[in-house]
Structures are given as structure tokens and as C-alpha cells.
């Protein structure tokens, strides 16, 4: 599974990435975390407010830091 954190690399982006890794581990899934900082690529996902979270090329969140539990719930159908 490829998970992308979209944003400038700020504290909120780092926290979202850490929460995504924790959620994947708790769900027993292997994950590759990719940090996307290029604004053109971020805009390509339709994100206007960072951080954004993309799981397997599906935009699942923008503008907030999801908790590990919230992300884990998003991983269940995958």
C-alpha cells in the first residue's frame, strides 16, 4: 500500500505521516510512505488545504491531521 502525505513538510504534515504509519502497523498492513511537497502535484489531487492524505491514489483527507484511529478505519475496506 502506498500512502502519500501532501504538504510542505510542516509539523501537521509530519504528524499526519506518523499517524498513517502507526495506523498501517496496527492494521497489519505494509505501507510505503511518500511525502509530496511539490505544490503542482498537490494541486493535481485537488487539494487546496494541507495536509492531505492519499491512500493507494485515493484522496481520503484534506486540511486536517487525522488520528491513527481515524486512518485505521479508512484502511479497513482496503
Protein backbone atom coordinates (compact mmCIF):
# COMPACT_ATOMS: atom_id res chain seq x y z
CA UNK A 1 0.00 0.00 0.00
CA UNK A 2 1.30 3.44 -0.90
CA UNK A 3 0.32 6.32 1.36
CA UNK A 4 1.12 9.90 0.42
CA UNK A 5 1.19 12.90 2.72
CA UNK A 6 0.62 16.07 0.73
CA UNK A 7 2.04 19.27 2.18
CA UNK A 8 5.02 21.49 2.77
CA UNK A 9 6.61 19.29 5.44
CA UNK A 10 5.27 21.30 8.38
CA UNK A 11 4.55 19.86 11.82
CA UNK A 12 0.99 18.96 10.83
CA UNK A 13 2.25 17.07 7.77
CA UNK A 14 4.82 15.19 9.84
CA UNK A 15 2.17 14.30 12.44
CA UNK A 16 -0.19 13.01 9.74
CA UNK A 17 2.60 10.84 8.31
CA UNK A 18 3.41 9.40 11.73
CA UNK A 19 -0.27 8.68 12.36
CA UNK A 20 -0.59 6.98 8.97
CA UNK A 21 2.38 4.73 9.71
CA UNK A 22 1.00 3.85 13.15
CA UNK A 23 -2.42 3.06 11.66
CA UNK A 24 -0.94 0.80 8.98
CA UNK A 25 1.16 -1.07 11.53
CA UNK A 26 -1.84 -1.52 13.82
CA UNK A 27 -3.88 -2.85 10.89
CA UNK A 28 -1.07 -5.25 9.96
CA UNK A 29 -0.53 -3.67 6.55
CA UNK A 30 2.74 -2.94 4.82
CA UNK A 31 2.96 0.68 3.84
CA UNK A 32 5.26 2.88 1.81
CA UNK A 33 5.02 6.49 2.99
CA UNK A 34 5.68 9.12 0.33
CA UNK A 35 5.91 12.82 1.16
CA UNK A 36 4.73 15.07 -1.66
CA UNK A 37 5.84 18.68 -1.28
CA UNK A 38 5.55 19.90 -4.87
CA UNK A 39 2.59 22.30 -4.98
CA UNK A 40 1.74 21.40 -8.58
CA UNK A 41 1.44 17.72 -7.65
CA UNK A 42 -0.59 18.59 -4.56
CA UNK A 43 -2.95 20.73 -6.64
CA UNK A 44 -3.24 17.83 -9.09
CA UNK A 45 -5.05 15.89 -6.36
CA UNK A 46 -7.46 18.81 -5.93
CA UNK A 47 -6.07 19.68 -2.51
CA UNK A 48 -6.48 23.32 -1.53
CA UNK A 49 -5.74 22.91 2.18
CA UNK A 50 -2.86 20.82 3.50
CA UNK A 51 -2.05 18.38 4.86
CA UNK A 52 -3.66 15.91 2.53
CA UNK A 53 -3.67 12.14 2.75
CA UNK A 54 -3.78 9.83 -0.26
CA UNK A 55 -4.05 6.05 0.14
CA UNK A 56 -3.41 3.99 -2.99
CA UNK A 57 -4.09 7.06 -5.18
CA UNK A 58 -7.41 7.81 -3.45
CA UNK A 59 -7.63 11.19 -1.69
CA UNK A 60 -9.10 10.48 1.74
CA UNK A 61 -8.48 13.68 3.72
CA UNK A 62 -7.52 17.33 3.33
CA UNK A 63 -6.85 20.16 5.73
CA UNK A 64 -6.64 18.20 8.97
CA UNK A 65 -4.46 15.83 10.92
CA UNK A 66 -6.33 12.56 11.23
CA UNK A 67 -5.63 10.40 14.26
CA UNK A 68 -4.18 6.93 13.82
CA UNK A 69 -7.60 5.50 14.72
CA UNK A 70 -9.35 7.56 12.04
CA UNK A 71 -6.81 6.45 9.43
CA UNK A 72 -7.09 2.83 10.52
CA UNK A 73 -10.85 2.99 9.89
CA UNK A 74 -10.11 4.22 6.36
CA UNK A 75 -7.77 1.27 5.80
CA UNK A 76 -10.37 -1.37 6.68
CA UNK A 77 -12.01 -1.58 3.22
CA UNK A 78 -8.58 -1.87 1.55
